[in-house]
PDB file of N, CA and C in Angstrom:
ATOM      1  N   MET A   1      -2.256   8.527   1.930  1.00  0.00           N
ATOM      2  CA  MET A   1      -1.957   7.774   3.121  1.00  0.00           C
ATOM      3  C   MET A   1      -3.077   6.766   3.355  1.00  0.00           C
ATOM      4  N   ILE A   2      -2.694   5.583   3.786  1.00  0.00           N
ATOM      5  CA  ILE A   2      -3.641   4.516   4.073  1.00  0.00           C
ATOM      6  C   ILE A   2      -3.483   4.117   5.539  1.00  0.00           C
ATOM      7  N   THR A   3      -4.578   4.139   6.268  1.00  0.00           N
ATOM      8  CA  THR A   3      -4.561   3.642   7.637  1.00  0.00           C
ATOM      9  C   THR A   3      -4.835   2.148   7.578  1.00  0.00           C
ATOM     10  N   LEU A   4      -3.914   1.352   8.086  1.00  0.00           N
ATOM     11  CA  LEU A   4      -4.051  -0.104   8.022  1.00  0.00           C
ATOM     12  C   LEU A   4      -5.135  -0.594   8.975  1.00  0.00           C
ATOM     13  N   THR A   5      -5.958  -1.497   8.509  1.00  0.00           N
ATOM     14  CA  THR A   5      -7.004  -2.100   9.329  1.00  0.00           C
ATOM     15  C   THR A   5      -6.389  -2.884  10.480  1.00  0.00           C
ATOM     16  N   ALA A   6      -5.339  -3.634  10.187  1.00  0.00           N
ATOM     17  CA  ALA A   6      -4.616  -4.392  11.213  1.00  0.00           C
ATOM     18  C   ALA A   6      -3.159  -3.938  11.164  1.00  0.00           C
ATOM     19  N   PRO A   7      -2.732  -3.109  12.117  1.00  0.00           N
ATOM     20  CA  PRO A   7      -1.345  -2.629  12.112  1.00  0.00           C
ATOM     21  C   PRO A   7      -0.341  -3.779  12.171  1.00  0.00           C
ATOM     22  N   ILE A   8       0.857  -3.518  11.668  1.00  0.00           N
ATOM     23  CA  ILE A   8       1.947  -4.484  11.719  1.00  0.00           C
ATOM     24  C   ILE A   8       2.729  -4.227  12.999  1.00  0.00           C
ATOM     25  N   SER A   9       2.858  -5.244  13.834  1.00  0.00           N
ATOM     26  CA  SER A   9       3.595  -5.106  15.098  1.00  0.00           C
ATOM     27  C   SER A   9       5.058  -5.458  14.886  1.00  0.00           C
ATOM     28  N   VAL A  10       5.929  -4.579  15.396  1.00  0.00           N
ATOM     29  CA  VAL A  10       7.364  -4.744  15.242  1.00  0.00           C
ATOM     30  C   VAL A  10       8.004  -4.584  16.613  1.00  0.00           C
ATOM     31  N   HIS A  11       8.974  -5.424  16.932  1.00  0.00           N
ATOM     32  CA  HIS A  11       9.706  -5.280  18.200  1.00  0.00           C
ATOM     33  C   HIS A  11      10.428  -3.937  18.202  1.00  0.00           C
ATOM     34  N   ASN A  12      10.322  -3.208  19.325  1.00  0.00           N
ATOM     35  CA  ASN A  12      10.935  -1.890  19.362  1.00  0.00           C
ATOM     36  C   ASN A  12      12.449  -1.948  19.579  1.00  0.00           C
ATOM     37  N   VAL A  13      12.977  -3.074  20.021  1.00  0.00           N
ATOM     38  CA  VAL A  13      14.420  -3.315  20.058  1.00  0.00           C
ATOM     39  C   VAL A  13      14.661  -4.753  19.626  1.00  0.00           C
ATOM     40  N   PHE A  14      15.796  -5.024  19.017  1.00  0.00           N
ATOM     41  CA  PHE A  14      16.108  -6.376  18.580  1.00  0.00           C
ATOM     42  C   PHE A  14      16.171  -7.309  19.780  1.00  0.00           C
ATOM     43  N   GLY A  15      15.470  -8.395  19.700  1.00  0.00           N
ATOM     44  CA  GLY A  15      15.461  -9.372  20.777  1.00  0.00           C
ATOM     45  C   GLY A  15      14.529  -9.028  21.919  1.00  0.00           C
ATOM     46  N   GLY A  16      13.889  -7.878  21.867  1.00  0.00           N
ATOM     47  CA  GLY A  16      12.993  -7.464  22.945  1.00  0.00           C
ATOM     48  C   GLY A  16      11.625  -8.086  22.822  1.00  0.00           C
ATOM     49  N   SER A  17      10.828  -7.908  23.864  1.00  0.00           N
ATOM     50  CA  SER A  17       9.477  -8.470  23.842  1.00  0.00           C
ATOM     51  C   SER A  17       8.414  -7.398  23.614  1.00  0.00           C
ATOM     52  N   ASN A  18       8.757  -6.122  23.759  1.00  0.00           N
ATOM     53  CA  ASN A  18       7.782  -5.045  23.527  1.00  0.00           C
ATOM     54  C   ASN A  18       7.682  -4.747  22.036  1.00  0.00           C
ATOM     55  N   THR A  19       6.474  -4.476  21.596  1.00  0.00           N
ATOM     56  CA  THR A  19       6.267  -4.176  20.177  1.00  0.00           C
ATOM     57  C   THR A  19       5.660  -2.786  19.997  1.00  0.00           C
ATOM     58  N   VAL A  20       5.820  -2.278  18.800  1.00  0.00           N
ATOM     59  CA  VAL A  20       5.219  -1.016  18.391  1.00  0.00           C
ATOM     60  C   VAL A  20       4.414  -1.302  17.135  1.00  0.00           C
ATOM     61  N   ASP A  21       3.210  -0.739  17.051  1.00  0.00           N
ATOM     62  CA  ASP A  21       2.371  -0.931  15.874  1.00  0.00           C
ATOM     63  C   ASP A  21       2.691   0.112  14.811  1.00  0.00           C
ATOM     64  N   TYR A  22       2.874  -0.367  13.589  1.00  0.00           N
ATOM     65  CA  TYR A  22       3.010   0.495  12.419  1.00  0.00           C
ATOM     66  C   TYR A  22       1.653   0.476  11.718  1.00  0.00           C
ATOM     67  N   ASP A  23       1.026   1.652  11.632  1.00  0.00           N
ATOM     68  CA  ASP A  23      -0.368   1.686  11.188  1.00  0.00           C
ATOM     69  C   ASP A  23      -0.659   2.602   9.998  1.00  0.00           C
ATOM     70  N   LYS A  24       0.349   3.286   9.477  1.00  0.00           N
ATOM     71  CA  LYS A  24       0.142   4.180   8.327  1.00  0.00           C
ATOM     72  C   LYS A  24       1.043   3.750   7.180  1.00  0.00           C
ATOM     73  N   LEU A  25       0.473   3.631   6.000  1.00  0.00           N
ATOM     74  CA  LEU A  25       1.214   3.285   4.786  1.00  0.00           C
ATOM     75  C   LEU A  25       1.111   4.452   3.818  1.00  0.00           C
ATOM     76  N   VAL A  26       2.266   4.894   3.340  1.00  0.00           N
ATOM     77  CA  VAL A  26       2.315   5.972   2.356  1.00  0.00           C
ATOM     78  C   VAL A  26       3.067   5.457   1.133  1.00  0.00           C
ATOM     79  N   ILE A  27       2.501   5.678  -0.037  1.00  0.00           N
ATOM     80  CA  ILE A  27       3.184   5.339  -1.282  1.00  0.00           C
ATOM     81  C   ILE A  27       3.870   6.615  -1.765  1.00  0.00           C
ATOM     82  N   ALA A  28       5.198   6.585  -1.739  1.00  0.00           N
ATOM     83  CA  ALA A  28       5.988   7.746  -2.126  1.00  0.00           C
ATOM     84  C   ALA A  28       6.610   7.520  -3.495  1.00  0.00           C
ATOM     85  N   ARG A  29       6.868   8.585  -4.164  1.00  0.00           N
ATOM     86  CA  ARG A  29       7.488   8.542  -5.492  1.00  0.00           C
ATOM     87  C   ARG A  29       6.772   7.586  -6.444  1.00  0.00           C
ATOM     88  N   PRO A  30       5.464   7.718  -6.539  1.00  0.00           N
ATOM     89  CA  PRO A  30       4.757   6.807  -7.454  1.00  0.00           C
ATOM     90  C   PRO A  30       5.163   7.068  -8.900  1.00  0.00           C
ATOM     91  N   ASN A  31       5.297   5.996  -9.644  1.00  0.00           N
ATOM     92  CA  ASN A  31       5.613   6.088 -11.059  1.00  0.00           C
ATOM     93  C   ASN A  31       4.554   5.308 -11.824  1.00  0.00           C
ATOM     94  N   LEU A  32       3.813   6.006 -12.661  1.00  0.00           N
ATOM     95  CA  LEU A  32       2.794   5.369 -13.485  1.00  0.00           C
ATOM     96  C   LEU A  32       3.327   5.315 -14.907  1.00  0.00           C
ATOM     97  N   ASP A  33       3.608   4.117 -15.374  1.00  0.00           N
ATOM     98  CA  ASP A  33       4.223   3.917 -16.681  1.00  0.00           C
ATOM     99  C   ASP A  33       3.147   3.602 -17.719  1.00  0.00           C
ATOM    100  N   PRO A  34       2.834   4.556 -18.621  1.00  0.00           N
ATOM    101  CA  PRO A  34       1.765   4.341 -19.593  1.00  0.00           C
ATOM    102  C   PRO A  34       2.148   3.406 -20.735  1.00  0.00           C
ATOM    103  N   VAL A  35       3.433   3.111 -20.896  1.00  0.00           N
ATOM    104  CA  VAL A  35       3.861   2.189 -21.949  1.00  0.00           C
ATOM    105  C   VAL A  35       3.748   0.749 -21.456  1.00  0.00           C
ATOM    106  N   ASP A  36       4.338   0.470 -20.299  1.00  0.00           N
ATOM    107  CA  ASP A  36       4.317  -0.890 -19.751  1.00  0.00           C
ATOM    108  C   ASP A  36       3.113  -1.153 -18.854  1.00  0.00           C
ATOM    109  N   MET A  37       2.298  -0.120 -18.596  1.00  0.00           N
ATOM    110  CA  MET A  37       1.113  -0.212 -17.747  1.00  0.00           C
ATOM    111  C   MET A  37       1.452  -0.776 -16.372  1.00  0.00           C
ATOM    112  N   LYS A  38       2.484  -0.176 -15.755  1.00  0.00           N
ATOM    113  CA  LYS A  38       2.913  -0.574 -14.421  1.00  0.00           C
ATOM    114  C   LYS A  38       2.861   0.630 -13.488  1.00  0.00           C
ATOM    115  N   ILE A  39       2.640   0.344 -12.215  1.00  0.00           N
ATOM    116  CA  ILE A  39       2.754   1.345 -11.162  1.00  0.00           C
ATOM    117  C   ILE A  39       3.831   0.844 -10.212  1.00  0.00           C
ATOM    118  N   THR A  40       4.809   1.684  -9.941  1.00  0.00           N
ATOM    119  CA  THR A  40       5.834   1.349  -8.964  1.00  0.00           C
ATOM    120  C   THR A  40       5.971   2.513  -7.998  1.00  0.00           C
ATOM    121  N   GLY A  41       6.506   2.243  -6.853  1.00  0.00           N
ATOM    122  CA  GLY A  41       6.731   3.303  -5.884  1.00  0.00           C
ATOM    123  C   GLY A  41       7.384   2.772  -4.636  1.00  0.00           C
ATOM    124  N   GLN A  42       7.754   3.692  -3.787  1.00  0.00           N
ATOM    125  CA  GLN A  42       8.330   3.325  -2.502  1.00  0.00           C
ATOM    126  C   GLN A  42       7.202   3.259  -1.478  1.00  0.00           C
ATOM    127  N   ALA A  43       7.172   2.188  -0.728  1.00  0.00           N
ATOM    128  CA  ALA A  43       6.189   2.036   0.350  1.00  0.00           C
ATOM    129  C   ALA A  43       6.856   2.435   1.652  1.00  0.00           C
ATOM    130  N   ARG A  44       6.176   3.266   2.441  1.00  0.00           N
ATOM    131  CA  ARG A  44       6.713   3.696   3.728  1.00  0.00           C
ATOM    132  C   ARG A  44       5.695   3.398   4.822  1.00  0.00           C
ATOM    133  N   LEU A  45       6.139   2.697   5.852  1.00  0.00           N
ATOM    134  CA  LEU A  45       5.286   2.387   7.001  1.00  0.00           C
ATOM    135  C   LEU A  45       5.676   3.276   8.176  1.00  0.00           C
ATOM    136  N   TYR A  46       4.659   3.879   8.812  1.00  0.00           N
ATOM    137  CA  TYR A  46       4.864   4.780   9.939  1.00  0.00           C
ATOM    138  C   TYR A  46       4.116   4.274  11.163  1.00  0.00           C
ATOM    139  N   SER A  47       4.665   4.586  12.336  1.00  0.00           N
ATOM    140  CA  SER A  47       3.984   4.313  13.594  1.00  0.00           C
ATOM    141  C   SER A  47       3.459   5.637  14.135  1.00  0.00           C
ATOM    142  N   THR A  48       2.132   5.769  14.246  1.00  0.00           N
ATOM    143  CA  THR A  48       1.577   6.990  14.839  1.00  0.00           C
ATOM    144  C   THR A  48       1.581   6.889  16.361  1.00  0.00           C
ATOM    145  N   ALA A  49       1.673   5.673  16.904  1.00  0.00           N
ATOM    146  CA  ALA A  49       1.706   5.487  18.355  1.00  0.00           C
ATOM    147  C   ALA A  49       3.064   5.905  18.932  1.00  0.00           C
ATOM    148  N   ASN A  50       4.121   5.733  18.149  1.00  0.00           N
ATOM    149  CA  ASN A  50       5.458   6.087  18.603  1.00  0.00           C
ATOM    150  C   ASN A  50       6.212   6.710  17.437  1.00  0.00           C
ATOM    151  N   THR A  51       6.118   8.031  17.327  1.00  0.00           N
ATOM    152  CA  THR A  51       6.695   8.741  16.175  1.00  0.00           C
ATOM    153  C   THR A  51       8.221   8.751  16.187  1.00  0.00           C
ATOM    154  N   GLU A  52       8.837   8.270  17.276  1.00  0.00           N
ATOM    155  CA  GLU A  52      10.296   8.185  17.316  1.00  0.00           C
ATOM    156  C   GLU A  52      10.817   6.917  16.636  1.00  0.00           C
ATOM    157  N   MET A  53       9.921   6.002  16.324  1.00  0.00           N
ATOM    158  CA  MET A  53      10.331   4.774  15.635  1.00  0.00           C
ATOM    159  C   MET A  53      10.706   5.122  14.192  1.00  0.00           C
ATOM    160  N   PRO A  54      11.692   4.420  13.634  1.00  0.00           N
ATOM    161  CA  PRO A  54      12.106   4.727  12.261  1.00  0.00           C
ATOM    162  C   PRO A  54      11.025   4.339  11.252  1.00  0.00           C
ATOM    163  N   VAL A  55      11.047   5.021  10.139  1.00  0.00           N
ATOM    164  CA  VAL A  55      10.151   4.686   9.034  1.00  0.00           C
ATOM    165  C   VAL A  55      10.672   3.408   8.384  1.00  0.00           C
ATOM    166  N   LEU A  56       9.784   2.460   8.127  1.00  0.00           N
ATOM    167  CA  LEU A  56      10.152   1.223   7.435  1.00  0.00           C
ATOM    168  C   LEU A  56       9.825   1.407   5.963  1.00  0.00           C
ATOM    169  N   THR A  57      10.735   1.007   5.097  1.00  0.00           N
ATOM    170  CA  THR A  57      10.522   1.236   3.666  1.00  0.00           C
ATOM    171  C   THR A  57      10.533  -0.073   2.891  1.00  0.00           C
ATOM    172  N   GLY A  58       9.926  -0.023   1.722  1.00  0.00           N
ATOM    173  CA  GLY A  58       9.866  -1.168   0.839  1.00  0.00           C
ATOM    174  C   GLY A  58       9.437  -0.731  -0.549  1.00  0.00           C
ATOM    175  N   GLN A  59       8.981  -1.663  -1.351  1.00  0.00           N
ATOM    176  CA  GLN A  59       8.614  -1.391  -2.737  1.00  0.00           C
ATOM    177  C   GLN A  59       7.198  -1.847  -3.035  1.00  0.00           C
ATOM    178  N   LEU A  60       6.524  -1.068  -3.860  1.00  0.00           N
ATOM    179  CA  LEU A  60       5.210  -1.419  -4.393  1.00  0.00           C
ATOM    180  C   LEU A  60       5.366  -1.626  -5.887  1.00  0.00           C
ATOM    181  N   THR A  61       4.830  -2.717  -6.401  1.00  0.00           N
ATOM    182  CA  THR A  61       4.828  -2.969  -7.841  1.00  0.00           C
ATOM    183  C   THR A  61       3.466  -3.494  -8.247  1.00  0.00           C
ATOM    184  N   VAL A  62       2.860  -2.841  -9.204  1.00  0.00           N
ATOM    185  CA  VAL A  62       1.588  -3.297  -9.762  1.00  0.00           C
ATOM    186  C   VAL A  62       1.780  -3.386 -11.273  1.00  0.00           C
ATOM    187  N   ASP A  63       1.696  -4.587 -11.809  1.00  0.00           N
ATOM    188  CA  ASP A  63       1.908  -4.828 -13.229  1.00  0.00           C
ATOM    189  C   ASP A  63       0.579  -5.275 -13.835  1.00  0.00           C
ATOM    190  N   SER A  64      -0.056  -4.383 -14.578  1.00  0.00           N
ATOM    191  CA  SER A  64      -1.381  -4.719 -15.096  1.00  0.00           C
ATOM    192  C   SER A  64      -1.337  -5.691 -16.271  1.00  0.00           C
ATOM    193  N   PHE A  65      -0.162  -5.965 -16.820  1.00  0.00           N
ATOM    194  CA  PHE A  65      -0.047  -6.992 -17.854  1.00  0.00           C
ATOM    195  C   PHE A  65       0.313  -8.340 -17.236  1.00  0.00           C
ATOM    196  N   GLY A  66       0.844  -8.316 -16.011  1.00  0.00           N
ATOM    197  CA  GLY A  66       1.220  -9.545 -15.317  1.00  0.00           C
ATOM    198  C   GLY A  66       0.042 -10.104 -14.538  1.00  0.00           C
ATOM    199  N   LEU A  67       0.349 -11.023 -13.663  1.00  0.00           N
ATOM    200  CA  LEU A  67      -0.691 -11.712 -12.894  1.00  0.00           C
ATOM    201  C   LEU A  67      -0.872 -11.155 -11.495  1.00  0.00           C
ATOM    202  N   THR A  68       0.115 -10.401 -10.988  1.00  0.00           N
ATOM    203  CA  THR A  68       0.063 -10.032  -9.580  1.00  0.00           C
ATOM    204  C   THR A  68       0.413  -8.566  -9.327  1.00  0.00           C
ATOM    205  N   ALA A  69       0.006  -8.125  -8.161  1.00  0.00           N
ATOM    206  CA  ALA A  69       0.465  -6.861  -7.590  1.00  0.00           C
ATOM    207  C   ALA A  69       1.206  -7.257  -6.323  1.00  0.00           C
ATOM    208  N   SER A  70       2.302  -6.580  -6.007  1.00  0.00           N
ATOM    209  CA  SER A  70       3.049  -6.961  -4.814  1.00  0.00           C
ATOM    210  C   SER A  70       3.454  -5.742  -4.006  1.00  0.00           C
ATOM    211  N   LEU A  71       3.522  -5.954  -2.705  1.00  0.00           N
ATOM    212  CA  LEU A  71       4.001  -4.955  -1.761  1.00  0.00           C
ATOM    213  C   LEU A  71       5.016  -5.671  -0.895  1.00  0.00           C
ATOM    214  N   GLN A  72       6.250  -5.162  -0.887  1.00  0.00           N
ATOM    215  CA  GLN A  72       7.311  -5.826  -0.150  1.00  0.00           C
ATOM    216  C   GLN A  72       7.974  -4.832   0.782  1.00  0.00           C
ATOM    217  N   ILE A  73       7.985  -5.153   2.068  1.00  0.00           N
ATOM    218  CA  ILE A  73       8.649  -4.348   3.083  1.00  0.00           C
ATOM    219  C   ILE A  73       9.748  -5.220   3.683  1.00  0.00           C
ATOM    220  N   GLU A  74      10.976  -4.779   3.614  1.00  0.00           N
ATOM    221  CA  GLU A  74      12.079  -5.499   4.234  1.00  0.00           C
ATOM    222  C   GLU A  74      12.950  -4.472   4.923  1.00  0.00           C
ATOM    223  N   ASP A  75      12.933  -4.486   6.239  1.00  0.00           N
ATOM    224  CA  ASP A  75      13.699  -3.517   7.010  1.00  0.00           C
ATOM    225  C   ASP A  75      14.052  -4.155   8.343  1.00  0.00           C
ATOM    226  N   GLY A  76      15.297  -4.573   8.488  1.00  0.00           N
ATOM    227  CA  GLY A  76      15.704  -5.217   9.739  1.00  0.00           C
ATOM    228  C   GLY A  76      14.948  -6.511   9.957  1.00  0.00           C
ATOM    229  N   GLU A  77      14.274  -6.617  11.095  1.00  0.00           N
ATOM    230  CA  GLU A  77      13.548  -7.843  11.409  1.00  0.00           C
ATOM    231  C   GLU A  77      12.201  -7.920  10.702  1.00  0.00           C
ATOM    232  N   VAL A  78      11.769  -6.829  10.099  1.00  0.00           N
ATOM    233  CA  VAL A  78      10.475  -6.818   9.421  1.00  0.00           C
ATOM    234  C   VAL A  78      10.670  -7.260   7.983  1.00  0.00           C
ATOM    235  N   GLN A  79      10.061  -8.345   7.632  1.00  0.00           N
ATOM    236  CA  GLN A  79      10.106  -8.825   6.262  1.00  0.00           C
ATOM    237  C   GLN A  79       8.713  -9.282   5.889  1.00  0.00           C
ATOM    238  N   ARG A  80       8.020  -8.465   5.173  1.00  0.00           N
ATOM    239  CA  ARG A  80       6.658  -8.771   4.753  1.00  0.00           C
ATOM    240  C   ARG A  80       6.604  -8.692   3.230  1.00  0.00           C
ATOM    241  N   LYS A  81       5.999  -9.674   2.633  1.00  0.00           N
ATOM    242  CA  LYS A  81       5.796  -9.644   1.192  1.00  0.00           C
ATOM    243  C   LYS A  81       4.377 -10.102   0.935  1.00  0.00           C
ATOM    244  N   VAL A  82       3.628  -9.291   0.251  1.00  0.00           N
ATOM    245  CA  VAL A  82       2.235  -9.598  -0.044  1.00  0.00           C
ATOM    246  C   VAL A  82       2.070  -9.587  -1.559  1.00  0.00           C
ATOM    247  N   LYS A  83       1.461 -10.619  -2.084  1.00  0.00           N
ATOM    248  CA  LYS A  83       1.129 -10.658  -3.512  1.00  0.00           C
ATOM    249  C   LYS A  83      -0.362 -10.884  -3.649  1.00  0.00           C
ATOM    250  N   VAL A  84      -0.947 -10.182  -4.580  1.00  0.00           N
ATOM    251  CA  VAL A  84      -2.373 -10.301  -4.855  1.00  0.00           C
ATOM    252  C   VAL A  84      -2.528 -10.649  -6.325  1.00  0.00           C
ATOM    253  N   THR A  85      -3.314 -11.670  -6.618  1.00  0.00           N
ATOM    254  CA  THR A  85      -3.599 -12.024  -8.003  1.00  0.00           C
ATOM    255  C   THR A  85      -4.632 -11.062  -8.562  1.00  0.00           C
ATOM    256  N   LEU A  86      -4.325 -10.502  -9.720  1.00  0.00           N
ATOM    257  CA  LEU A  86      -5.209  -9.517 -10.339  1.00  0.00           C
ATOM    258  C   LEU A  86      -6.216 -10.182 -11.260  1.00  0.00           C
ATOM    259  N   THR A  87      -7.471  -9.775 -11.120  1.00  0.00           N
ATOM    260  CA  THR A  87      -8.504 -10.217 -12.050  1.00  0.00           C
ATOM    261  C   THR A  87      -8.455  -9.307 -13.282  1.00  0.00           C
ATOM    262  N   GLN A  88      -9.187  -9.662 -14.303  1.00  0.00           N
ATOM    263  CA  GLN A  88      -9.229  -8.803 -15.488  1.00  0.00           C
ATOM    264  C   GLN A  88      -9.845  -7.447 -15.137  1.00  0.00           C
ATOM    265  N   ALA A  89     -10.816  -7.430 -14.242  1.00  0.00           N
ATOM    266  CA  ALA A  89     -11.419  -6.158 -13.816  1.00  0.00           C
ATOM    267  C   ALA A  89     -10.390  -5.282 -13.108  1.00  0.00           C
ATOM    268  N   HIS A  90      -9.535  -5.898 -12.257  1.00  0.00           N
ATOM    269  CA  HIS A  90      -8.462  -5.149 -11.598  1.00  0.00           C
ATOM    270  C   HIS A  90      -7.520  -4.546 -12.631  1.00  0.00           C
ATOM    271  N   LYS A  91      -7.109  -5.380 -13.597  1.00  0.00           N
ATOM    272  CA  LYS A  91      -6.169  -4.926 -14.622  1.00  0.00           C
ATOM    273  C   LYS A  91      -6.749  -3.764 -15.420  1.00  0.00           C
ATOM    274  N   THR A  92      -8.021  -3.874 -15.782  1.00  0.00           N
ATOM    275  CA  THR A  92      -8.675  -2.799 -16.532  1.00  0.00           C
ATOM    276  C   THR A  92      -8.727  -1.516 -15.708  1.00  0.00           C
ATOM    277  N   ALA A  93      -9.061  -1.632 -14.437  1.00  0.00           N
ATOM    278  CA  ALA A  93      -9.120  -0.457 -13.560  1.00  0.00           C
ATOM    279  C   ALA A  93      -7.746   0.201 -13.426  1.00  0.00           C
ATOM    280  N   ILE A  94      -6.699  -0.606 -13.283  1.00  0.00           N
ATOM    281  CA  ILE A  94      -5.336  -0.084 -13.162  1.00  0.00           C
ATOM    282  C   ILE A  94      -4.925   0.613 -14.451  1.00  0.00           C
ATOM    283  N   GLN A  95      -5.186  -0.022 -15.578  1.00  0.00           N
ATOM    284  CA  GLN A  95      -4.823   0.576 -16.864  1.00  0.00           C
ATOM    285  C   GLN A  95      -5.577   1.883 -17.098  1.00  0.00           C
ATOM    286  N   THR A  96      -6.841   1.934 -16.702  1.00  0.00           N
ATOM    287  CA  THR A  96      -7.626   3.165 -16.839  1.00  0.00           C
ATOM    288  C   THR A  96      -7.055   4.271 -15.958  1.00  0.00           C
ATOM    289  N   ALA A  97      -6.681   3.934 -14.730  1.00  0.00           N
ATOM    290  CA  ALA A  97      -6.104   4.935 -13.820  1.00  0.00           C
ATOM    291  C   ALA A  97      -4.792   5.480 -14.376  1.00  0.00           C
ATOM    292  N   ILE A  98      -3.940   4.603 -14.907  1.00  0.00           N
ATOM    293  CA  ILE A  98      -2.668   5.043 -15.482  1.00  0.00           C
ATOM    294  C   ILE A  98      -2.923   5.931 -16.698  1.00  0.00           C
ATOM    295  N   THR A  99      -3.805   5.505 -17.578  1.00  0.00           N
ATOM    296  CA  THR A  99      -4.116   6.280 -18.784  1.00  0.00           C
ATOM    297  C   THR A  99      -4.699   7.646 -18.433  1.00  0.00           C
ATOM    298  N   ASP A 100      -5.619   7.682 -17.467  1.00  0.00           N
ATOM    299  CA  ASP A 100      -6.231   8.955 -17.056  1.00  0.00           C
ATOM    300  C   ASP A 100      -5.205   9.897 -16.433  1.00  0.00           C
ATOM    301  N   ALA A 101      -4.311   9.359 -15.590  1.00  0.00           N
ATOM    302  CA  ALA A 101      -3.282  10.194 -14.967  1.00  0.00           C
ATOM    303  C   ALA A 101      -2.317  10.735 -16.018  1.00  0.00           C
ATOM    304  N   HIS A 102      -1.938   9.886 -16.948  1.00  0.00           N
ATOM    305  CA  HIS A 102      -1.049  10.298 -18.043  1.00  0.00           C
ATOM    306  C   HIS A 102      -1.690  11.418 -18.863  1.00  0.00           C
ATOM    307  N   ALA A 103      -2.957  11.257 -19.194  1.00  0.00           N
ATOM    308  CA  ALA A 103      -3.674  12.284 -19.959  1.00  0.00           C
ATOM    309  C   ALA A 103      -3.770  13.594 -19.180  1.00  0.00           C
ATOM    310  N   ALA A 104      -4.004  13.507 -17.874  1.00  0.00           N
ATOM    311  CA  ALA A 104      -4.115  14.714 -17.049  1.00  0.00           C
ATOM    312  C   ALA A 104      -2.808  15.494 -17.044  1.00  0.00           C
ATOM    313  N   VAL A 105      -1.681  14.782 -16.950  1.00  0.00           N
ATOM    314  CA  VAL A 105      -0.378  15.463 -16.968  1.00  0.00           C
ATOM    315  C   VAL A 105      -0.156  16.120 -18.330  1.00  0.00           C
ATOM    316  N   GLU A 106      -0.400  15.389 -19.405  1.00  0.00           N
ATOM    317  CA  GLU A 106      -0.196  15.965 -20.735  1.00  0.00           C
ATOM    318  C   GLU A 106      -1.132  17.144 -20.989  1.00  0.00           C
ATOM    319  N   ASN A 107      -2.409  17.003 -20.614  1.00  0.00           N
ATOM    320  CA  ASN A 107      -3.333  18.122 -20.765  1.00  0.00           C
ATOM    321  C   ASN A 107      -2.884  19.321 -19.936  1.00  0.00           C
ATOM    322  N   GLY A 108      -2.355  19.050 -18.755  1.00  0.00           N
ATOM    323  CA  GLY A 108      -1.895  20.125 -17.879  1.00  0.00           C
ATOM    324  C   GLY A 108      -0.740  20.902 -18.456  1.00  0.00           C
ATOM    325  N   ILE A 109       0.256  20.207 -19.002  1.00  0.00           N
ATOM    326  CA  ILE A 109       1.410  20.940 -19.527  1.00  0.00           C
ATOM    327  C   ILE A 109       1.065  21.708 -20.801  1.00  0.00           C
ATOM    328  N   VAL A 110       0.053  21.244 -21.529  1.00  0.00           N
ATOM    329  CA  VAL A 110      -0.421  22.016 -22.688  1.00  0.00           C
ATOM    330  C   VAL A 110      -1.214  23.229 -22.208  1.00  0.00           C
ATOM    331  N   SER A 111      -2.092  23.033 -21.204  1.00  0.00           N
ATOM    332  CA  SER A 111      -2.962  24.135 -20.763  1.00  0.00           C
ATOM    333  C   SER A 111      -2.199  25.269 -20.097  1.00  0.00           C
ATOM    334  N   ILE A 112      -1.072  24.985 -19.437  1.00  0.00           N
ATOM    335  CA  ILE A 112      -0.312  26.073 -18.816  1.00  0.00           C
ATOM    336  C   ILE A 112       0.704  26.683 -19.771  1.00  0.00           C
ATOM    337  N   GLY A 113       0.790  26.158 -20.988  1.00  0.00           N
ATOM    338  CA  GLY A 113       1.667  26.739 -21.990  1.00  0.00           C
ATOM    339  C   GLY A 113       3.094  26.238 -21.945  1.00  0.00           C
ATOM    340  N   LEU A 114       3.361  25.188 -21.185  1.00  0.00           N
ATOM    341  CA  LEU A 114       4.719  24.635 -21.152  1.00  0.00           C
ATOM    342  C   LEU A 114       5.056  23.975 -22.481  1.00  0.00           C
ATOM    343  N   VAL A 115       4.021  23.417 -23.128  1.00  0.00           N
ATOM    344  CA  VAL A 115       4.154  22.811 -24.453  1.00  0.00           C
ATOM    345  C   VAL A 115       3.080  23.415 -25.325  1.00  0.00           C
ATOM    346  N   ASP A 116       3.449  23.786 -26.541  1.00  0.00           N
ATOM    347  CA  ASP A 116       2.473  24.324 -27.494  1.00  0.00           C
ATOM    348  C   ASP A 116       2.083  23.192 -28.423  1.00  0.00           C
ATOM    349  N   GLY A 117       0.839  22.746 -28.317  1.00  0.00           N
ATOM    350  CA  GLY A 117       0.381  21.647 -29.145  1.00  0.00           C
ATOM    351  C   GLY A 117      -0.991  21.180 -28.712  1.00  0.00           C
ATOM    352  N   THR A 118      -1.411  20.081 -29.294  1.00  0.00           N
ATOM    353  CA  THR A 118      -2.704  19.490 -28.972  1.00  0.00           C
ATOM    354  C   THR A 118      -2.480  18.058 -28.511  1.00  0.00           C
ATOM    355  N   ARG A 119      -3.027  17.747 -27.359  1.00  0.00           N
ATOM    356  CA  ARG A 119      -2.882  16.408 -26.831  1.00  0.00           C
ATOM    357  C   ARG A 119      -3.821  15.442 -27.516  1.00  0.00           C
ATOM    358  N   SER A 120      -3.351  14.225 -27.793  1.00  0.00           N
ATOM    359  CA  SER A 120      -4.216  13.182 -28.321  1.00  0.00           C
ATOM    360  C   SER A 120      -3.942  11.908 -27.531  1.00  0.00           C
ATOM    361  N   ALA A 121      -4.870  10.980 -27.584  1.00  0.00           N
ATOM    362  CA  ALA A 121      -4.756   9.733 -26.830  1.00  0.00           C
ATOM    363  C   ALA A 121      -3.587   8.899 -27.337  1.00  0.00           C
ATOM    364  N   GLY A 122      -3.053   8.070 -26.452  1.00  0.00           N
ATOM    365  CA  GLY A 122      -1.987   7.166 -26.831  1.00  0.00           C
ATOM    366  C   GLY A 122      -0.664   7.556 -26.219  1.00  0.00           C
ATOM    367  N   VAL A 123       0.313   6.716 -26.463  1.00  0.00           N
ATOM    368  CA  VAL A 123       1.680   6.978 -25.967  1.00  0.00           C
ATOM    369  C   VAL A 123       2.664   6.985 -27.104  1.00  0.00           C
TER     370      VAL A 123
END
């Protein structure tokens, strides 16, 4: 969970003047693809000030072979799209995180005996 530095204000009713702040971001169903070196997932925005407000959903895409990472939330009147240009250092960090997570899963399934074998680097 990520607490947003600057919450996103959303009108609590269509056409109304009162707003509710959405201040928590959760990345759900993350998918780390070790072949394409991409991270995708569902982005969920929550309001801790008003827990009766609906969860706003969107998509997260981080492509370490491409030029950008993007976070897109589109839900009713809320339409936010953020793109960040990745430096080579960002890309390397993302690829390392994906590779390490992939290795941890493979090492885990070998260590608990789900698979009988020896893990080696690569895909």
